[in-house]
Amino acid sequence: MYYSETKVIMGGLAHVPILIFIVNLIKGKFESIAAKVVEVKTEEPKVKVVEAKEEEVKAEELNASEVKEEAE
């Protein structure tokens, strides 16, 4: 038994919401898995604080005072 073209199109359109639901369900599963992986890797990196050398700071201060003297 053959179906008319209209019945075939209507049947296809009736299944579109079901296919969209299945795709969104699969997409949601992958997003939840990806979120768990990202949460594990959000640890802050360990940073070592290094103090600035006094010589560099003094040199900058001297340069700033020389500029002020030249401007006057």
PDB file of N, CA and C in Angstrom:
ATOM      1  N   MET A   1       0.840  -1.165   0.000  1.00  0.00           N
ATOM      2  CA  MET A   1       0.000   0.000   0.000  1.00  0.00           C
ATOM      3  C   MET A   1       0.896   1.243   0.000  1.00  0.00           C
ATOM      4  N   TYR A   2       0.613   2.131  -0.898  1.00  0.00           N
ATOM      5  CA  TYR A   2       1.394   3.350  -1.037  1.00  0.00           C
ATOM      6  C   TYR A   2       0.752   4.478  -0.249  1.00  0.00           C
ATOM      7  N   TYR A   3       1.607   5.376   0.277  1.00  0.00           N
ATOM      8  CA  TYR A   3       1.110   6.542   0.985  1.00  0.00           C
ATOM      9  C   TYR A   3       1.202   7.741   0.054  1.00  0.00           C
ATOM     10  N   SER A   4       0.292   8.663   0.219  1.00  0.00           N
ATOM     11  CA  SER A   4       0.351   9.874  -0.589  1.00  0.00           C
ATOM     12  C   SER A   4       1.488  10.754  -0.071  1.00  0.00           C
ATOM     13  N   GLU A   5       1.887  11.666  -0.914  1.00  0.00           N
ATOM     14  CA  GLU A   5       2.994  12.555  -0.557  1.00  0.00           C
ATOM     15  C   GLU A   5       2.644  13.390   0.672  1.00  0.00           C
ATOM     16  N   THR A   6       1.403  13.782   0.810  1.00  0.00           N
ATOM     17  CA  THR A   6       0.957  14.585   1.944  1.00  0.00           C
ATOM     18  C   THR A   6       1.100  13.799   3.247  1.00  0.00           C
ATOM     19  N   LYS A   7       0.721  12.541   3.255  1.00  0.00           N
ATOM     20  CA  LYS A   7       0.824  11.731   4.461  1.00  0.00           C
ATOM     21  C   LYS A   7       2.281  11.515   4.853  1.00  0.00           C
ATOM     22  N   VAL A   8       3.153  11.351   3.878  1.00  0.00           N
ATOM     23  CA  VAL A   8       4.583  11.160   4.168  1.00  0.00           C
ATOM     24  C   VAL A   8       5.161  12.425   4.802  1.00  0.00           C
ATOM     25  N   ILE A   9       4.818  13.588   4.248  1.00  0.00           N
ATOM     26  CA  ILE A   9       5.325  14.857   4.785  1.00  0.00           C
ATOM     27  C   ILE A   9       4.775  15.090   6.194  1.00  0.00           C
ATOM     28  N   MET A  10       3.491  14.833   6.400  1.00  0.00           N
ATOM     29  CA  MET A  10       2.884  15.021   7.722  1.00  0.00           C
ATOM     30  C   MET A  10       3.523  14.073   8.744  1.00  0.00           C
ATOM     31  N   GLY A  11       3.822  12.857   8.360  1.00  0.00           N
ATOM     32  CA  GLY A  11       4.476  11.915   9.258  1.00  0.00           C
ATOM     33  C   GLY A  11       5.873  12.370   9.635  1.00  0.00           C
ATOM     34  N   GLY A  12       6.592  12.905   8.656  1.00  0.00           N
ATOM     35  CA  GLY A  12       7.935  13.425   8.922  1.00  0.00           C
ATOM     36  C   GLY A  12       7.897  14.613   9.858  1.00  0.00           C
ATOM     37  N   LEU A  13       6.954  15.523   9.633  1.00  0.00           N
ATOM     38  CA  LEU A  13       6.824  16.699  10.494  1.00  0.00           C
ATOM     39  C   LEU A  13       6.398  16.322  11.906  1.00  0.00           C
ATOM     40  N   ALA A  14       5.630  15.267  12.043  1.00  0.00           N
ATOM     41  CA  ALA A  14       5.198  14.832  13.366  1.00  0.00           C
ATOM     42  C   ALA A  14       6.369  14.287  14.176  1.00  0.00           C
ATOM     43  N   HIS A  15       7.393  13.778  13.520  1.00  0.00           N
ATOM     44  CA  HIS A  15       8.536  13.199  14.226  1.00  0.00           C
ATOM     45  C   HIS A  15       9.629  14.223  14.537  1.00  0.00           C
ATOM     46  N   VAL A  16       9.561  15.401  13.971  1.00  0.00           N
ATOM     47  CA  VAL A  16      10.588  16.419  14.206  1.00  0.00           C
ATOM     48  C   VAL A  16      10.693  16.792  15.689  1.00  0.00           C
ATOM     49  N   PRO A  17       9.604  17.065  16.403  1.00  0.00           N
ATOM     50  CA  PRO A  17       9.758  17.393  17.840  1.00  0.00           C
ATOM     51  C   PRO A  17      10.383  16.255  18.646  1.00  0.00           C
ATOM     52  N   ILE A  18      10.103  15.028  18.274  1.00  0.00           N
ATOM     53  CA  ILE A  18      10.702  13.885  18.975  1.00  0.00           C
ATOM     54  C   ILE A  18      12.206  13.866  18.743  1.00  0.00           C
ATOM     55  N   LEU A  19      12.628  14.108  17.512  1.00  0.00           N
ATOM     56  CA  LEU A  19      14.065  14.129  17.203  1.00  0.00           C
ATOM     57  C   LEU A  19      14.755  15.288  17.925  1.00  0.00           C
ATOM     58  N   ILE A  20      14.115  16.451  17.987  1.00  0.00           N
ATOM     59  CA  ILE A  20      14.694  17.604  18.689  1.00  0.00           C
ATOM     60  C   ILE A  20      14.859  17.289  20.172  1.00  0.00           C
ATOM     61  N   PHE A  21      13.862  16.627  20.775  1.00  0.00           N
ATOM     62  CA  PHE A  21      13.947  16.248  22.183  1.00  0.00           C
ATOM     63  C   PHE A  21      15.129  15.310  22.424  1.00  0.00           C
ATOM     64  N   ILE A  22      15.322  14.337  21.562  1.00  0.00           N
ATOM     65  CA  ILE A  22      16.412  13.377  21.725  1.00  0.00           C
ATOM     66  C   ILE A  22      17.767  14.078  21.603  1.00  0.00           C
ATOM     67  N   VAL A  23      17.891  14.970  20.619  1.00  0.00           N
ATOM     68  CA  VAL A  23      19.160  15.693  20.427  1.00  0.00           C
ATOM     69  C   VAL A  23      19.455  16.573  21.641  1.00  0.00           C
ATOM     70  N   ASN A  24      18.453  17.279  22.162  1.00  0.00           N
ATOM     71  CA  ASN A  24      18.662  18.135  23.338  1.00  0.00           C
ATOM     72  C   ASN A  24      19.003  17.310  24.576  1.00  0.00           C
ATOM     73  N   LEU A  25      18.427  16.124  24.692  1.00  0.00           N
ATOM     74  CA  LEU A  25      18.734  15.248  25.816  1.00  0.00           C
ATOM     75  C   LEU A  25      20.203  14.819  25.782  1.00  0.00           C
ATOM     76  N   ILE A  26      20.674  14.426  24.609  1.00  0.00           N
ATOM     77  CA  ILE A  26      22.078  14.019  24.458  1.00  0.00           C
ATOM     78  C   ILE A  26      23.000  15.208  24.706  1.00  0.00           C
ATOM     79  N   LYS A  27      22.633  16.372  24.176  1.00  0.00           N
ATOM     80  CA  LYS A  27      23.450  17.578  24.359  1.00  0.00           C
ATOM     81  C   LYS A  27      23.550  17.948  25.838  1.00  0.00           C
ATOM     82  N   GLY A  28      22.451  17.818  26.572  1.00  0.00           N
ATOM     83  CA  GLY A  28      22.449  18.119  28.002  1.00  0.00           C
ATOM     84  C   GLY A  28      23.349  17.180  28.787  1.00  0.00           C
ATOM     85  N   LYS A  29      23.380  15.908  28.404  1.00  0.00           N
ATOM     86  CA  LYS A  29      24.255  14.941  29.084  1.00  0.00           C
ATOM     87  C   LYS A  29      25.716  15.321  28.903  1.00  0.00           C
ATOM     88  N   PHE A  30      26.105  15.696  27.675  1.00  0.00           N
ATOM     89  CA  PHE A  30      27.496  16.070  27.421  1.00  0.00           C
ATOM     90  C   PHE A  30      27.865  17.362  28.129  1.00  0.00           C
ATOM     91  N   GLU A  31      26.933  18.321  28.210  1.00  0.00           N
ATOM     92  CA  GLU A  31      27.221  19.576  28.903  1.00  0.00           C
ATOM     93  C   GLU A  31      27.427  19.343  30.396  1.00  0.00           C
ATOM     94  N   SER A  32      26.646  18.450  30.992  1.00  0.00           N
ATOM     95  CA  SER A  32      26.817  18.187  32.418  1.00  0.00           C
ATOM     96  C   SER A  32      28.144  17.488  32.695  1.00  0.00           C
ATOM     97  N   ILE A  33      28.540  16.608  31.804  1.00  0.00           N
ATOM     98  CA  ILE A  33      29.841  15.936  31.949  1.00  0.00           C
ATOM     99  C   ILE A  33      30.968  16.948  31.800  1.00  0.00           C
ATOM    100  N   ALA A  34      30.844  17.844  30.813  1.00  0.00           N
ATOM    101  CA  ALA A  34      31.876  18.858  30.588  1.00  0.00           C
ATOM    102  C   ALA A  34      31.957  19.819  31.768  1.00  0.00           C
ATOM    103  N   ALA A  35      30.843  20.150  32.393  1.00  0.00           N
ATOM    104  CA  ALA A  35      30.841  21.065  33.539  1.00  0.00           C
ATOM    105  C   ALA A  35      31.579  20.445  34.713  1.00  0.00           C
ATOM    106  N   LYS A  36      31.419  19.142  34.915  1.00  0.00           N
ATOM    107  CA  LYS A  36      32.127  18.473  36.006  1.00  0.00           C
ATOM    108  C   LYS A  36      33.627  18.489  35.777  1.00  0.00           C
ATOM    109  N   VAL A  37      34.054  18.307  34.547  1.00  0.00           N
ATOM    110  CA  VAL A  37      35.478  18.307  34.224  1.00  0.00           C
ATOM    111  C   VAL A  37      36.057  19.696  34.451  1.00  0.00           C
ATOM    112  N   VAL A  38      35.332  20.737  34.068  1.00  0.00           N
ATOM    113  CA  VAL A  38      35.809  22.105  34.246  1.00  0.00           C
ATOM    114  C   VAL A  38      35.893  22.455  35.727  1.00  0.00           C
ATOM    115  N   GLU A  39      34.925  22.018  36.533  1.00  0.00           N
ATOM    116  CA  GLU A  39      34.951  22.324  37.959  1.00  0.00           C
ATOM    117  C   GLU A  39      36.178  21.724  38.634  1.00  0.00           C
ATOM    118  N   VAL A  40      36.626  20.582  38.207  1.00  0.00           N
ATOM    119  CA  VAL A  40      37.787  19.939  38.804  1.00  0.00           C
ATOM    120  C   VAL A  40      39.051  20.722  38.479  1.00  0.00           C
ATOM    121  N   LYS A  41      39.118  21.309  37.294  1.00  0.00           N
ATOM    122  CA  LYS A  41      40.328  21.979  36.852  1.00  0.00           C
ATOM    123  C   LYS A  41      40.349  23.466  37.177  1.00  0.00           C
ATOM    124  N   THR A  42      39.433  23.980  37.990  1.00  0.00           N
ATOM    125  CA  THR A  42      39.408  25.398  38.305  1.00  0.00           C
ATOM    126  C   THR A  42      40.235  25.757  39.529  1.00  0.00           C
ATOM    127  N   GLU A  43      41.190  24.938  39.909  1.00  0.00           N
ATOM    128  CA  GLU A  43      42.048  25.254  41.040  1.00  0.00           C
ATOM    129  C   GLU A  43      42.973  26.415  40.674  1.00  0.00           C
ATOM    130  N   GLU A  44      43.221  27.291  41.641  1.00  0.00           N
ATOM    131  CA  GLU A  44      44.096  28.426  41.387  1.00  0.00           C
ATOM    132  C   GLU A  44      45.550  27.956  41.350  1.00  0.00           C
ATOM    133  N   PRO A  45      46.312  28.426  40.381  1.00  0.00           N
ATOM    134  CA  PRO A  45      47.721  28.022  40.326  1.00  0.00           C
ATOM    135  C   PRO A  45      48.503  28.640  41.478  1.00  0.00           C
ATOM    136  N   LYS A  46      49.503  27.925  41.913  1.00  0.00           N
ATOM    137  CA  LYS A  46      50.336  28.427  43.006  1.00  0.00           C
ATOM    138  C   LYS A  46      51.282  29.486  42.451  1.00  0.00           C
ATOM    139  N   VAL A  47      51.267  30.652  43.073  1.00  0.00           N
ATOM    140  CA  VAL A  47      52.081  31.767  42.605  1.00  0.00           C
ATOM    141  C   VAL A  47      53.072  32.135  43.697  1.00  0.00           C
ATOM    142  N   LYS A  48      54.311  32.250  43.313  1.00  0.00           N
ATOM    143  CA  LYS A  48      55.346  32.633  44.264  1.00  0.00           C
ATOM    144  C   LYS A  48      55.538  34.147  44.187  1.00  0.00           C
ATOM    145  N   VAL A  49      55.425  34.825  45.317  1.00  0.00           N
ATOM    146  CA  VAL A  49      55.566  36.275  45.370  1.00  0.00           C
ATOM    147  C   VAL A  49      57.044  36.607  45.521  1.00  0.00           C
ATOM    148  N   VAL A  50      57.529  37.434  44.614  1.00  0.00           N
ATOM    149  CA  VAL A  50      58.931  37.826  44.627  1.00  0.00           C
ATOM    150  C   VAL A  50      59.001  39.327  44.890  1.00  0.00           C
ATOM    151  N   GLU A  51      59.870  39.723  45.817  1.00  0.00           N
ATOM    152  CA  GLU A  51      60.009  41.143  46.139  1.00  0.00           C
ATOM    153  C   GLU A  51      60.841  41.839  45.064  1.00  0.00           C
ATOM    154  N   ALA A  52      60.528  43.110  44.821  1.00  0.00           N
ATOM    155  CA  ALA A  52      61.258  43.896  43.838  1.00  0.00           C
ATOM    156  C   ALA A  52      62.632  44.246  44.390  1.00  0.00           C
ATOM    157  N   LYS A  53      63.597  44.328  43.520  1.00  0.00           N
ATOM    158  CA  LYS A  53      64.948  44.686  43.953  1.00  0.00           C
ATOM    159  C   LYS A  53      64.995  46.168  44.290  1.00  0.00           C
ATOM    160  N   GLU A  54      65.690  46.501  45.380  1.00  0.00           N
ATOM    161  CA  GLU A  54      65.760  47.886  45.831  1.00  0.00           C
ATOM    162  C   GLU A  54      66.539  48.753  44.850  1.00  0.00           C
ATOM    163  N   GLU A  55      67.521  48.182  44.191  1.00  0.00           N
ATOM    164  CA  GLU A  55      68.341  48.959  43.259  1.00  0.00           C
ATOM    165  C   GLU A  55      67.499  49.489  42.111  1.00  0.00           C
ATOM    166  N   GLU A  56      66.611  48.667  41.593  1.00  0.00           N
ATOM    167  CA  GLU A  56      65.763  49.093  40.487  1.00  0.00           C
ATOM    168  C   GLU A  56      64.824  50.212  40.923  1.00  0.00           C
ATOM    169  N   VAL A  57      64.272  50.106  42.109  1.00  0.00           N
ATOM    170  CA  VAL A  57      63.359  51.123  42.616  1.00  0.00           C
ATOM    171  C   VAL A  57      64.110  52.428  42.806  1.00  0.00           C
ATOM    172  N   LYS A  58      65.309  52.373  43.377  1.00  0.00           N
ATOM    173  CA  LYS A  58      66.086  53.585  43.595  1.00  0.00           C
ATOM    174  C   LYS A  58      66.459  54.230  42.268  1.00  0.00           C
ATOM    175  N   ALA A  59      66.795  53.438  41.282  1.00  0.00           N
ATOM    176  CA  ALA A  59      67.151  53.979  39.970  1.00  0.00           C
ATOM    177  C   ALA A  59      65.955  54.694  39.363  1.00  0.00           C
ATOM    178  N   GLU A  60      64.764  54.144  39.521  1.00  0.00           N
ATOM    179  CA  GLU A  60      63.571  54.799  38.989  1.00  0.00           C
ATOM    180  C   GLU A  60      63.295  56.098  39.728  1.00  0.00           C
ATOM    181  N   GLU A  61      63.513  56.094  41.045  1.00  0.00           N
ATOM    182  CA  GLU A  61      63.293  57.314  41.822  1.00  0.00           C
ATOM    183  C   GLU A  61      64.300  58.389  41.420  1.00  0.00           C
ATOM    184  N   LEU A  62      65.538  58.001  41.156  1.00  0.00           N
ATOM    185  CA  LEU A  62      66.548  58.969  40.733  1.00  0.00           C
ATOM    186  C   LEU A  62      66.187  59.556  39.383  1.00  0.00           C
ATOM    187  N   ASN A  63      65.726  58.703  38.469  1.00  0.00           N
ATOM    188  CA  ASN A  63      65.330  59.200  37.148  1.00  0.00           C
ATOM    189  C   ASN A  63      64.157  60.168  37.263  1.00  0.00           C
ATOM    190  N   ALA A  64      63.229  59.894  38.135  1.00  0.00           N
ATOM    191  CA  ALA A  64      62.070  60.761  38.321  1.00  0.00           C
ATOM    192  C   ALA A  64      62.507  62.100  38.907  1.00  0.00           C
ATOM    193  N   SER A  65      63.448  62.089  39.857  1.00  0.00           N
ATOM    194  CA  SER A  65      63.903  63.346  40.450  1.00  0.00           C
ATOM    195  C   SER A  65      64.717  64.155  39.441  1.00  0.00           C
ATOM    196  N   GLU A  66      65.474  63.494  38.575  1.00  0.00           N
ATOM    197  CA  GLU A  66      66.227  64.202  37.540  1.00  0.00           C
ATOM    198  C   GLU A  66      65.283  64.883  36.557  1.00  0.00           C
ATOM    199  N   VAL A  67      64.193  64.209  36.226  1.00  0.00           N
ATOM    200  CA  VAL A  67      63.218  64.788  35.297  1.00  0.00           C
ATOM    201  C   VAL A  67      62.569  66.015  35.927  1.00  0.00           C
ATOM    202  N   LYS A  68      62.271  65.955  37.224  1.00  0.00           N
ATOM    203  CA  LYS A  68      61.661  67.092  37.916  1.00  0.00           C
ATOM    204  C   LYS A  68      62.637  68.272  37.948  1.00  0.00           C
ATOM    205  N   GLU A  69      63.933  68.008  38.158  1.00  0.00           N
ATOM    206  CA  GLU A  69      64.939  69.069  38.213  1.00  0.00           C
ATOM    207  C   GLU A  69      65.084  69.743  36.850  1.00  0.00           C
ATOM    208  N   GLU A  70      65.051  68.934  35.780  1.00  0.00           N
ATOM    209  CA  GLU A  70      65.190  69.496  34.440  1.00  0.00           C
ATOM    210  C   GLU A  70      63.970  70.324  34.053  1.00  0.00           C
ATOM    211  N   ALA A  71      62.807  69.953  34.545  1.00  0.00           N
ATOM    212  CA  ALA A  71      61.581  70.663  34.207  1.00  0.00           C
ATOM    213  C   ALA A  71      61.534  72.025  34.894  1.00  0.00           C
ATOM    214  N   GLU A  72      62.181  72.174  36.028  1.00  0.00           N
ATOM    215  CA  GLU A  72      62.135  73.437  36.774  1.00  0.00           C
ATOM    216  C   GLU A  72      63.031  74.475  36.230  1.00  0.00           C
TER     217      GLU A  72
END
